[in-house]
Amino acid sequence: MNKTELVDSIAQETGLTKEQASKAVTAFVNSVQGALERGDDVVLVGFGTFSIKERAARTGRNPKTGEPLQIAASKVPSFKAGKGLKDAVN
Protein backbone atom coordinates (compact mmCIF):
# COMPACT_ATOMS: atom_id res chain seq x y z
CA MET A 1 0.00 0.00 0.00
CA ASN A 2 1.43 3.36 -0.99
CA LYS A 3 0.53 6.80 0.38
CA THR A 4 -2.25 7.40 -2.17
CA GLU A 5 -3.87 4.06 -1.34
CA LEU A 6 -3.54 4.81 2.38
CA VAL A 7 -5.22 8.20 1.93
CA ASP A 8 -8.05 6.56 -0.04
CA SER A 9 -8.50 3.93 2.65
CA ILE A 10 -8.58 6.50 5.47
CA ALA A 11 -11.02 8.69 3.55
CA GLN A 12 -13.36 5.73 2.99
CA GLU A 13 -13.05 4.47 6.58
CA THR A 14 -13.62 7.85 8.26
CA GLY A 15 -15.88 9.68 5.83
CA LEU A 16 -13.30 12.43 5.37
CA THR A 17 -12.57 13.88 1.96
CA LYS A 18 -9.41 12.70 0.26
CA GLU A 19 -7.87 16.13 0.83
CA GLN A 20 -8.61 15.97 4.57
CA ALA A 21 -7.30 12.40 4.80
CA SER A 22 -4.14 13.45 2.94
CA LYS A 23 -3.58 16.29 5.42
CA ALA A 24 -4.10 13.84 8.30
CA VAL A 25 -1.56 11.36 6.91
CA THR A 26 0.96 14.15 6.26
CA ALA A 27 0.44 15.53 9.78
CA PHE A 28 1.00 12.07 11.27
CA VAL A 29 4.22 11.54 9.30
CA ASN A 30 5.50 15.02 10.22
CA SER A 31 4.65 14.50 13.90
CA VAL A 32 6.48 11.16 14.06
CA GLN A 33 9.48 12.62 12.21
CA GLY A 34 9.58 15.65 14.52
CA ALA A 35 9.44 13.48 17.63
CA LEU A 36 12.26 11.25 16.38
CA GLU A 37 14.37 14.31 15.49
CA ARG A 38 13.98 15.49 19.11
CA GLY A 39 15.05 12.05 20.35
CA ASP A 40 11.58 11.04 21.58
CA ASP A 41 9.94 7.67 20.98
CA VAL A 42 6.43 7.46 19.52
CA VAL A 43 4.45 4.69 21.21
CA LEU A 44 1.11 3.59 19.76
CA VAL A 45 -0.14 0.93 22.17
CA GLY A 46 -1.21 -2.19 20.32
CA PHE A 47 0.36 -0.97 17.06
CA GLY A 48 4.04 -0.39 17.72
CA THR A 49 6.88 1.94 18.67
CA PHE A 50 8.89 4.28 16.48
CA SER A 51 12.34 5.01 17.93
CA ILE A 52 15.92 5.94 17.05
CA LYS A 53 18.74 3.41 17.34
CA GLU A 54 22.45 4.15 17.40
CA ARG A 55 24.53 2.36 14.79
CA ALA A 56 28.18 2.07 15.84
CA ALA A 57 31.08 2.97 13.57
CA ARG A 58 32.42 -0.04 11.73
CA THR A 59 34.79 -1.17 9.02
CA GLY A 60 33.24 -2.11 5.70
CA ARG A 61 34.60 -3.17 2.34
CA ASN A 62 34.38 -1.46 -1.02
CA PRO A 63 32.58 -4.11 -3.09
CA LYS A 64 34.41 -3.11 -6.27
CA THR A 65 37.99 -3.11 -4.97
CA GLY A 66 37.69 -5.10 -1.73
CA GLU A 67 39.55 -2.36 0.15
CA PRO A 68 38.47 -1.75 3.76
CA LEU A 69 36.86 1.59 4.57
CA GLN A 70 35.51 3.23 7.70
CA ILE A 71 31.74 3.66 8.01
CA ALA A 72 30.83 6.43 10.45
CA ALA A 73 28.47 5.98 13.39
CA SER A 74 24.89 7.04 12.67
CA LYS A 75 21.38 7.13 14.02
CA VAL A 76 18.67 5.14 12.23
CA PRO A 77 14.90 5.18 12.66
CA SER A 78 13.41 1.93 13.89
CA PHE A 79 9.91 0.45 14.23
CA LYS A 80 9.02 -2.37 16.60
CA ALA A 81 5.60 -3.91 16.07
CA GLY A 82 3.30 -4.14 19.08
CA LYS A 83 1.43 -7.23 20.24
CA GLY A 84 -1.86 -6.19 18.61
CA LEU A 85 -0.22 -5.75 15.20
CA LYS A 86 1.71 -9.00 15.52
CA ASP A 87 -1.46 -10.88 16.47
CA ALA A 88 -3.39 -9.35 13.55
CA VAL A 89 -0.71 -10.42 11.05
CA ASN A 90 -0.40 -13.96 12.43
PDB file of N, CA and C in Angstrom:
ATOM      1  N   MET A   1       0.854  -1.175   0.000  1.00  0.00           N
ATOM      2  CA  MET A   1       0.000   0.000   0.000  1.00  0.00           C
ATOM      3  C   MET A   1       0.895   1.231   0.000  1.00  0.00           C
ATOM      4  N   ASN A   2       0.665   2.117  -0.950  1.00  0.00           N
ATOM      5  CA  ASN A   2       1.433   3.359  -0.986  1.00  0.00           C
ATOM      6  C   ASN A   2       0.624   4.481  -0.329  1.00  0.00           C
ATOM      7  N   LYS A   3       1.174   5.695  -0.325  1.00  0.00           N
ATOM      8  CA  LYS A   3       0.529   6.804   0.378  1.00  0.00           C
ATOM      9  C   LYS A   3      -0.844   7.121  -0.219  1.00  0.00           C
ATOM     10  N   THR A   4      -0.973   7.101  -1.525  1.00  0.00           N
ATOM     11  CA  THR A   4      -2.252   7.399  -2.171  1.00  0.00           C
ATOM     12  C   THR A   4      -3.314   6.382  -1.759  1.00  0.00           C
ATOM     13  N   GLU A   5      -2.935   5.111  -1.752  1.00  0.00           N
ATOM     14  CA  GLU A   5      -3.872   4.064  -1.342  1.00  0.00           C
ATOM     15  C   GLU A   5      -4.233   4.201   0.138  1.00  0.00           C
ATOM     16  N   LEU A   6      -3.275   4.591   0.967  1.00  0.00           N
ATOM     17  CA  LEU A   6      -3.541   4.810   2.383  1.00  0.00           C
ATOM     18  C   LEU A   6      -4.520   5.964   2.577  1.00  0.00           C
ATOM     19  N   VAL A   7      -4.315   7.049   1.857  1.00  0.00           N
ATOM     20  CA  VAL A   7      -5.220   8.202   1.933  1.00  0.00           C
ATOM     21  C   VAL A   7      -6.625   7.783   1.507  1.00  0.00           C
ATOM     22  N   ASP A   8      -6.740   7.032   0.417  1.00  0.00           N
ATOM     23  CA  ASP A   8      -8.046   6.557  -0.042  1.00  0.00           C
ATOM     24  C   ASP A   8      -8.730   5.691   1.015  1.00  0.00           C
ATOM     25  N   SER A   9      -7.963   4.820   1.627  1.00  0.00           N
ATOM     26  CA  SER A   9      -8.504   3.928   2.651  1.00  0.00           C
ATOM     27  C   SER A   9      -8.987   4.713   3.867  1.00  0.00           C
ATOM     28  N   ILE A  10      -8.197   5.678   4.309  1.00  0.00           N
ATOM     29  CA  ILE A  10      -8.582   6.499   5.468  1.00  0.00           C
ATOM     30  C   ILE A  10      -9.815   7.335   5.144  1.00  0.00           C
ATOM     31  N   ALA A  11      -9.863   7.895   3.956  1.00  0.00           N
ATOM     32  CA  ALA A  11     -11.020   8.690   3.547  1.00  0.00           C
ATOM     33  C   ALA A  11     -12.289   7.836   3.560  1.00  0.00           C
ATOM     34  N   GLN A  12     -12.201   6.626   3.031  1.00  0.00           N
ATOM     35  CA  GLN A  12     -13.357   5.734   2.987  1.00  0.00           C
ATOM     36  C   GLN A  12     -13.764   5.295   4.394  1.00  0.00           C
ATOM     37  N   GLU A  13     -12.788   4.978   5.229  1.00  0.00           N
ATOM     38  CA  GLU A  13     -13.047   4.474   6.579  1.00  0.00           C
ATOM     39  C   GLU A  13     -13.655   5.540   7.483  1.00  0.00           C
ATOM     40  N   THR A  14     -13.216   6.789   7.335  1.00  0.00           N
ATOM     41  CA  THR A  14     -13.624   7.846   8.259  1.00  0.00           C
ATOM     42  C   THR A  14     -14.700   8.774   7.711  1.00  0.00           C
ATOM     43  N   GLY A  15     -14.923   8.757   6.413  1.00  0.00           N
ATOM     44  CA  GLY A  15     -15.879   9.678   5.825  1.00  0.00           C
ATOM     45  C   GLY A  15     -15.289  11.051   5.540  1.00  0.00           C
ATOM     46  N   LEU A  16     -13.980  11.183   5.704  1.00  0.00           N
ATOM     47  CA  LEU A  16     -13.304  12.432   5.371  1.00  0.00           C
ATOM     48  C   LEU A  16     -13.145  12.531   3.854  1.00  0.00           C
ATOM     49  N   THR A  17     -12.909  13.742   3.379  1.00  0.00           N
ATOM     50  CA  THR A  17     -12.571  13.879   1.965  1.00  0.00           C
ATOM     51  C   THR A  17     -11.139  13.389   1.781  1.00  0.00           C
ATOM     52  N   LYS A  18     -10.778  13.140   0.525  1.00  0.00           N
ATOM     53  CA  LYS A  18      -9.407  12.698   0.257  1.00  0.00           C
ATOM     54  C   LYS A  18      -8.406  13.774   0.645  1.00  0.00           C
ATOM     55  N   GLU A  19      -8.767  15.037   0.463  1.00  0.00           N
ATOM     56  CA  GLU A  19      -7.870  16.132   0.830  1.00  0.00           C
ATOM     57  C   GLU A  19      -7.659  16.173   2.342  1.00  0.00           C
ATOM     58  N   GLN A  20      -8.733  15.993   3.117  1.00  0.00           N
ATOM     59  CA  GLN A  20      -8.610  15.975   4.573  1.00  0.00           C
ATOM     60  C   GLN A  20      -7.799  14.766   5.041  1.00  0.00           C
ATOM     61  N   ALA A  21      -8.038  13.612   4.435  1.00  0.00           N
ATOM     62  CA  ALA A  21      -7.302  12.404   4.799  1.00  0.00           C
ATOM     63  C   ALA A  21      -5.823  12.565   4.459  1.00  0.00           C
ATOM     64  N   SER A  22      -5.524  13.205   3.332  1.00  0.00           N
ATOM     65  CA  SER A  22      -4.135  13.447   2.941  1.00  0.00           C
ATOM     66  C   SER A  22      -3.443  14.350   3.954  1.00  0.00           C
ATOM     67  N   LYS A  23      -4.146  15.386   4.408  1.00  0.00           N
ATOM     68  CA  LYS A  23      -3.585  16.286   5.423  1.00  0.00           C
ATOM     69  C   LYS A  23      -3.335  15.530   6.730  1.00  0.00           C
ATOM     70  N   ALA A  24      -4.247  14.618   7.076  1.00  0.00           N
ATOM     71  CA  ALA A  24      -4.097  13.839   8.304  1.00  0.00           C
ATOM     72  C   ALA A  24      -2.877  12.922   8.219  1.00  0.00           C
ATOM     73  N   VAL A  25      -2.712  12.249   7.085  1.00  0.00           N
ATOM     74  CA  VAL A  25      -1.557  11.355   6.911  1.00  0.00           C
ATOM     75  C   VAL A  25      -0.257  12.162   6.951  1.00  0.00           C
ATOM     76  N   THR A  26      -0.228  13.296   6.268  1.00  0.00           N
ATOM     77  CA  THR A  26       0.959  14.153   6.256  1.00  0.00           C
ATOM     78  C   THR A  26       1.266  14.663   7.661  1.00  0.00           C
ATOM     79  N   ALA A  27       0.240  15.060   8.402  1.00  0.00           N
ATOM     80  CA  ALA A  27       0.437  15.534   9.777  1.00  0.00           C
ATOM     81  C   ALA A  27       0.996  14.428  10.666  1.00  0.00           C
ATOM     82  N   PHE A  28       0.494  13.197  10.491  1.00  0.00           N
ATOM     83  CA  PHE A  28       0.998  12.067  11.268  1.00  0.00           C
ATOM     84  C   PHE A  28       2.478  11.826  10.978  1.00  0.00           C
ATOM     85  N   VAL A  29       2.827  11.782   9.697  1.00  0.00           N
ATOM     86  CA  VAL A  29       4.221  11.542   9.300  1.00  0.00           C
ATOM     87  C   VAL A  29       5.125  12.647   9.844  1.00  0.00           C
ATOM     88  N   ASN A  30       4.700  13.891   9.720  1.00  0.00           N
ATOM     89  CA  ASN A  30       5.501  15.022  10.216  1.00  0.00           C
ATOM     90  C   ASN A  30       5.645  14.981  11.729  1.00  0.00           C
ATOM     91  N   SER A  31       4.594  14.585  12.439  1.00  0.00           N
ATOM     92  CA  SER A  31       4.651  14.498  13.895  1.00  0.00           C
ATOM     93  C   SER A  31       5.617  13.413  14.352  1.00  0.00           C
ATOM     94  N   VAL A  32       5.556  12.259  13.705  1.00  0.00           N
ATOM     95  CA  VAL A  32       6.476  11.165  14.058  1.00  0.00           C
ATOM     96  C   VAL A  32       7.906  11.584  13.754  1.00  0.00           C
ATOM     97  N   GLN A  33       8.131  12.179  12.588  1.00  0.00           N
ATOM     98  CA  GLN A  33       9.476  12.620  12.215  1.00  0.00           C
ATOM     99  C   GLN A  33       9.998  13.661  13.202  1.00  0.00           C
ATOM    100  N   GLY A  34       9.168  14.617  13.571  1.00  0.00           N
ATOM    101  CA  GLY A  34       9.583  15.651  14.523  1.00  0.00           C
ATOM    102  C   GLY A  34       9.948  15.069  15.874  1.00  0.00           C
ATOM    103  N   ALA A  35       9.156  14.108  16.353  1.00  0.00           N
ATOM    104  CA  ALA A  35       9.441  13.477  17.634  1.00  0.00           C
ATOM    105  C   ALA A  35      10.764  12.724  17.585  1.00  0.00           C
ATOM    106  N   LEU A  36      11.003  11.998  16.506  1.00  0.00           N
ATOM    107  CA  LEU A  36      12.259  11.251  16.378  1.00  0.00           C
ATOM    108  C   LEU A  36      13.452  12.200  16.279  1.00  0.00           C
ATOM    109  N   GLU A  37      13.281  13.325  15.579  1.00  0.00           N
ATOM    110  CA  GLU A  37      14.366  14.312  15.486  1.00  0.00           C
ATOM    111  C   GLU A  37      14.725  14.863  16.860  1.00  0.00           C
ATOM    112  N   ARG A  38      13.733  14.997  17.746  1.00  0.00           N
ATOM    113  CA  ARG A  38      13.977  15.487  19.112  1.00  0.00           C
ATOM    114  C   ARG A  38      14.514  14.392  20.024  1.00  0.00           C
ATOM    115  N   GLY A  39      14.548  13.160  19.542  1.00  0.00           N
ATOM    116  CA  GLY A  39      15.047  12.050  20.348  1.00  0.00           C
ATOM    117  C   GLY A  39      13.960  11.347  21.139  1.00  0.00           C
ATOM    118  N   ASP A  40      12.697  11.677  20.885  1.00  0.00           N
ATOM    119  CA  ASP A  40      11.580  11.040  21.580  1.00  0.00           C
ATOM    120  C   ASP A  40      11.150   9.777  20.843  1.00  0.00           C
ATOM    121  N   ASP A  41      10.560   8.842  21.581  1.00  0.00           N
ATOM    122  CA  ASP A  41       9.938   7.670  20.980  1.00  0.00           C
ATOM    123  C   ASP A  41       8.463   7.983  20.754  1.00  0.00           C
ATOM    124  N   VAL A  42       7.863   7.347  19.764  1.00  0.00           N
ATOM    125  CA  VAL A  42       6.426   7.460  19.517  1.00  0.00           C
ATOM    126  C   VAL A  42       5.842   6.074  19.765  1.00  0.00           C
ATOM    127  N   VAL A  43       5.017   5.969  20.817  1.00  0.00           N
ATOM    128  CA  VAL A  43       4.452   4.687  21.215  1.00  0.00           C
ATOM    129  C   VAL A  43       2.956   4.684  20.926  1.00  0.00           C
ATOM    130  N   LEU A  44       2.526   3.783  20.062  1.00  0.00           N
ATOM    131  CA  LEU A  44       1.114   3.588  19.761  1.00  0.00           C
ATOM    132  C   LEU A  44       0.743   2.214  20.302  1.00  0.00           C
ATOM    133  N   VAL A  45       0.139   2.186  21.483  1.00  0.00           N
ATOM    134  CA  VAL A  45      -0.141   0.931  22.172  1.00  0.00           C
ATOM    135  C   VAL A  45      -0.975   0.022  21.272  1.00  0.00           C
ATOM    136  N   GLY A  46      -0.533  -1.211  21.151  1.00  0.00           N
ATOM    137  CA  GLY A  46      -1.209  -2.192  20.318  1.00  0.00           C
ATOM    138  C   GLY A  46      -0.756  -2.169  18.868  1.00  0.00           C
ATOM    139  N   PHE A  47      -0.119  -1.072  18.448  1.00  0.00           N
ATOM    140  CA  PHE A  47       0.360  -0.974  17.064  1.00  0.00           C
ATOM    141  C   PHE A  47       1.867  -1.127  17.004  1.00  0.00           C
ATOM    142  N   GLY A  48       2.597  -0.272  17.722  1.00  0.00           N
ATOM    143  CA  GLY A  48       4.045  -0.388  17.717  1.00  0.00           C
ATOM    144  C   GLY A  48       4.730   0.864  18.214  1.00  0.00           C
ATOM    145  N   THR A  49       6.058   0.847  18.167  1.00  0.00           N
ATOM    146  CA  THR A  49       6.884   1.938  18.669  1.00  0.00           C
ATOM    147  C   THR A  49       7.881   2.372  17.613  1.00  0.00           C
ATOM    148  N   PHE A  50       7.885   3.670  17.330  1.00  0.00           N
ATOM    149  CA  PHE A  50       8.895   4.278  16.476  1.00  0.00           C
ATOM    150  C   PHE A  50       9.981   4.819  17.391  1.00  0.00           C
ATOM    151  N   SER A  51      11.241   4.521  17.102  1.00  0.00           N
ATOM    152  CA  SER A  51      12.343   5.009  17.932  1.00  0.00           C
ATOM    153  C   SER A  51      13.584   5.211  17.074  1.00  0.00           C
ATOM    154  N   ILE A  52      14.628   5.739  17.702  1.00  0.00           N
ATOM    155  CA  ILE A  52      15.920   5.942  17.050  1.00  0.00           C
ATOM    156  C   ILE A  52      16.919   4.975  17.677  1.00  0.00           C
ATOM    157  N   LYS A  53      17.676   4.304  16.847  1.00  0.00           N
ATOM    158  CA  LYS A  53      18.737   3.411  17.337  1.00  0.00           C
ATOM    159  C   LYS A  53      20.081   3.945  16.874  1.00  0.00           C
ATOM    160  N   GLU A  54      21.077   3.736  17.712  1.00  0.00           N
ATOM    161  CA  GLU A  54      22.447   4.146  17.398  1.00  0.00           C
ATOM    162  C   GLU A  54      23.143   3.016  16.653  1.00  0.00           C
ATOM    163  N   ARG A  55      23.741   3.340  15.536  1.00  0.00           N
ATOM    164  CA  ARG A  55      24.531   2.363  14.789  1.00  0.00           C
ATOM    165  C   ARG A  55      26.002   2.731  14.992  1.00  0.00           C
ATOM    166  N   ALA A  56      26.779   1.815  15.525  1.00  0.00           N
ATOM    167  CA  ALA A  56      28.183   2.070  15.840  1.00  0.00           C
ATOM    168  C   ALA A  56      29.017   2.199  14.564  1.00  0.00           C
ATOM    169  N   ALA A  57      30.140   2.889  14.691  1.00  0.00           N
ATOM    170  CA  ALA A  57      31.084   2.970  13.575  1.00  0.00           C
ATOM    171  C   ALA A  57      31.636   1.568  13.316  1.00  0.00           C
ATOM    172  N   ARG A  58      31.934   1.291  12.062  1.00  0.00           N
ATOM    173  CA  ARG A  58      32.424  -0.041  11.732  1.00  0.00           C
ATOM    174  C   ARG A  58      33.279   0.020  10.478  1.00  0.00           C
ATOM    175  N   THR A  59      33.968  -1.068  10.217  1.00  0.00           N
ATOM    176  CA  THR A  59      34.787  -1.174   9.022  1.00  0.00           C
ATOM    177  C   THR A  59      34.018  -1.975   7.986  1.00  0.00           C
ATOM    178  N   GLY A  60      33.899  -1.420   6.803  1.00  0.00           N
ATOM    179  CA  GLY A  60      33.240  -2.111   5.702  1.00  0.00           C
ATOM    180  C   GLY A  60      34.228  -2.383   4.586  1.00  0.00           C
ATOM    181  N   ARG A  61      33.739  -2.889   3.493  1.00  0.00           N
ATOM    182  CA  ARG A  61      34.598  -3.169   2.341  1.00  0.00           C
ATOM    183  C   ARG A  61      33.981  -2.562   1.098  1.00  0.00           C
ATOM    184  N   ASN A  62      34.822  -1.960   0.275  1.00  0.00           N
ATOM    185  CA  ASN A  62      34.381  -1.463  -1.020  1.00  0.00           C
ATOM    186  C   ASN A  62      34.107  -2.693  -1.884  1.00  0.00           C
ATOM    187  N   PRO A  63      32.872  -2.891  -2.345  1.00  0.00           N
ATOM    188  CA  PRO A  63      32.576  -4.112  -3.094  1.00  0.00           C
ATOM    189  C   PRO A  63      33.318  -4.216  -4.427  1.00  0.00           C
ATOM    190  N   LYS A  64      33.722  -3.087  -4.985  1.00  0.00           N
ATOM    191  CA  LYS A  64      34.407  -3.111  -6.274  1.00  0.00           C
ATOM    192  C   LYS A  64      35.883  -3.486  -6.127  1.00  0.00           C
ATOM    193  N   THR A  65      36.545  -2.892  -5.121  1.00  0.00           N
ATOM    194  CA  THR A  65      37.991  -3.115  -4.973  1.00  0.00           C
ATOM    195  C   THR A  65      38.334  -4.050  -3.829  1.00  0.00           C
ATOM    196  N   GLY A  66      37.410  -4.246  -2.880  1.00  0.00           N
ATOM    197  CA  GLY A  66      37.695  -5.096  -1.727  1.00  0.00           C
ATOM    198  C   GLY A  66      38.468  -4.387  -0.640  1.00  0.00           C
ATOM    199  N   GLU A  67      38.792  -3.103  -0.849  1.00  0.00           N
ATOM    200  CA  GLU A  67      39.552  -2.356   0.153  1.00  0.00           C
ATOM    201  C   GLU A  67      38.672  -2.023   1.360  1.00  0.00           C
ATOM    202  N   PRO A  68      39.245  -2.120   2.565  1.00  0.00           N
ATOM    203  CA  PRO A  68      38.474  -1.752   3.759  1.00  0.00           C
ATOM    204  C   PRO A  68      38.262  -0.233   3.815  1.00  0.00           C
ATOM    205  N   LEU A  69      37.115   0.168   4.376  1.00  0.00           N
ATOM    206  CA  LEU A  69      36.856   1.586   4.568  1.00  0.00           C
ATOM    207  C   LEU A  69      36.056   1.765   5.846  1.00  0.00           C
ATOM    208  N   GLN A  70      36.195   2.932   6.453  1.00  0.00           N
ATOM    209  CA  GLN A  70      35.507   3.234   7.703  1.00  0.00           C
ATOM    210  C   GLN A  70      34.099   3.745   7.400  1.00  0.00           C
ATOM    211  N   ILE A  71      33.121   3.193   8.095  1.00  0.00           N
ATOM    212  CA  ILE A  71      31.743   3.660   8.010  1.00  0.00           C
ATOM    213  C   ILE A  71      31.450   4.356   9.327  1.00  0.00           C
ATOM    214  N   ALA A  72      31.049   5.622   9.255  1.00  0.00           N
ATOM    215  CA  ALA A  72      30.834   6.433  10.449  1.00  0.00           C
ATOM    216  C   ALA A  72      29.622   5.948  11.248  1.00  0.00           C
ATOM    217  N   ALA A  73      29.614   6.263  12.536  1.00  0.00           N
ATOM    218  CA  ALA A  73      28.470   5.977  13.393  1.00  0.00           C
ATOM    219  C   ALA A  73      27.285   6.814  12.905  1.00  0.00           C
ATOM    220  N   SER A  74      26.080   6.303  13.107  1.00  0.00           N
ATOM    221  CA  SER A  74      24.893   7.044  12.672  1.00  0.00           C
ATOM    222  C   SER A  74      23.692   6.644  13.524  1.00  0.00           C
ATOM    223  N   LYS A  75      22.648   7.428  13.377  1.00  0.00           N
ATOM    224  CA  LYS A  75      21.377   7.127  14.022  1.00  0.00           C
ATOM    225  C   LYS A  75      20.406   6.686  12.933  1.00  0.00           C
ATOM    226  N   VAL A  76      19.629   5.636  13.206  1.00  0.00           N
ATOM    227  CA  VAL A  76      18.674   5.141  12.228  1.00  0.00           C
ATOM    228  C   VAL A  76      17.297   5.014  12.872  1.00  0.00           C
ATOM    229  N   PRO A  77      16.242   5.370  12.129  1.00  0.00           N
ATOM    230  CA  PRO A  77      14.899   5.177  12.662  1.00  0.00           C
ATOM    231  C   PRO A  77      14.565   3.691  12.710  1.00  0.00           C
ATOM    232  N   SER A  78      13.755   3.327  13.699  1.00  0.00           N
ATOM    233  CA  SER A  78      13.407   1.931  13.887  1.00  0.00           C
ATOM    234  C   SER A  78      11.925   1.823  14.237  1.00  0.00           C
ATOM    235  N   PHE A  79      11.302   0.718  13.860  1.00  0.00           N
ATOM    236  CA  PHE A  79       9.913   0.446  14.231  1.00  0.00           C
ATOM    237  C   PHE A  79       9.841  -0.949  14.808  1.00  0.00           C
ATOM    238  N   LYS A  80       9.226  -1.061  15.975  1.00  0.00           N
ATOM    239  CA  LYS A  80       9.018  -2.367  16.596  1.00  0.00           C
ATOM    240  C   LYS A  80       7.515  -2.582  16.708  1.00  0.00           C
ATOM    241  N   ALA A  81       7.025  -3.624  16.068  1.00  0.00           N
ATOM    242  CA  ALA A  81       5.598  -3.906  16.067  1.00  0.00           C
ATOM    243  C   ALA A  81       5.116  -4.287  17.459  1.00  0.00           C
ATOM    244  N   GLY A  82       3.919  -3.814  17.804  1.00  0.00           N
ATOM    245  CA  GLY A  82       3.299  -4.139  19.085  1.00  0.00           C
ATOM    246  C   GLY A  82       2.551  -5.469  19.004  1.00  0.00           C
ATOM    247  N   LYS A  83       2.100  -5.931  20.166  1.00  0.00           N
ATOM    248  CA  LYS A  83       1.427  -7.227  20.241  1.00  0.00           C
ATOM    249  C   LYS A  83       0.169  -7.267  19.385  1.00  0.00           C
ATOM    250  N   GLY A  84      -0.626  -6.208  19.395  1.00  0.00           N
ATOM    251  CA  GLY A  84      -1.865  -6.190  18.607  1.00  0.00           C
ATOM    252  C   GLY A  84      -1.592  -6.342  17.114  1.00  0.00           C
ATOM    253  N   LEU A  85      -0.569  -5.660  16.620  1.00  0.00           N
ATOM    254  CA  LEU A  85      -0.215  -5.745  15.200  1.00  0.00           C
ATOM    255  C   LEU A  85       0.329  -7.133  14.871  1.00  0.00           C
ATOM    256  N   LYS A  86       1.173  -7.661  15.740  1.00  0.00           N
ATOM    257  CA  LYS A  86       1.715  -9.001  15.521  1.00  0.00           C
ATOM    258  C   LYS A  86       0.600 -10.049  15.490  1.00  0.00           C
ATOM    259  N   ASP A  87      -0.341  -9.924  16.412  1.00  0.00           N
ATOM    260  CA  ASP A  87      -1.455 -10.881  16.466  1.00  0.00           C
ATOM    261  C   ASP A  87      -2.334 -10.778  15.225  1.00  0.00           C
ATOM    262  N   ALA A  88      -2.549  -9.550  14.734  1.00  0.00           N
ATOM    263  CA  ALA A  88      -3.390  -9.349  13.550  1.00  0.00           C
ATOM    264  C   ALA A  88      -2.748  -9.964  12.316  1.00  0.00           C
ATOM    265  N   VAL A  89      -1.436  -9.901  12.226  1.00  0.00           N
ATOM    266  CA  VAL A  89      -0.714 -10.419  11.055  1.00  0.00           C
ATOM    267  C   VAL A  89      -0.647 -11.948  11.103  1.00  0.00           C
ATOM    268  N   ASN A  90      -0.512 -12.496  12.301  1.00  0.00           N
ATOM    269  CA  ASN A  90      -0.396 -13.964  12.435  1.00  0.00           C
ATOM    270  C   ASN A  90      -1.716 -14.556  12.605  1.00  0.00           C
TER     271      ASN A  90
END
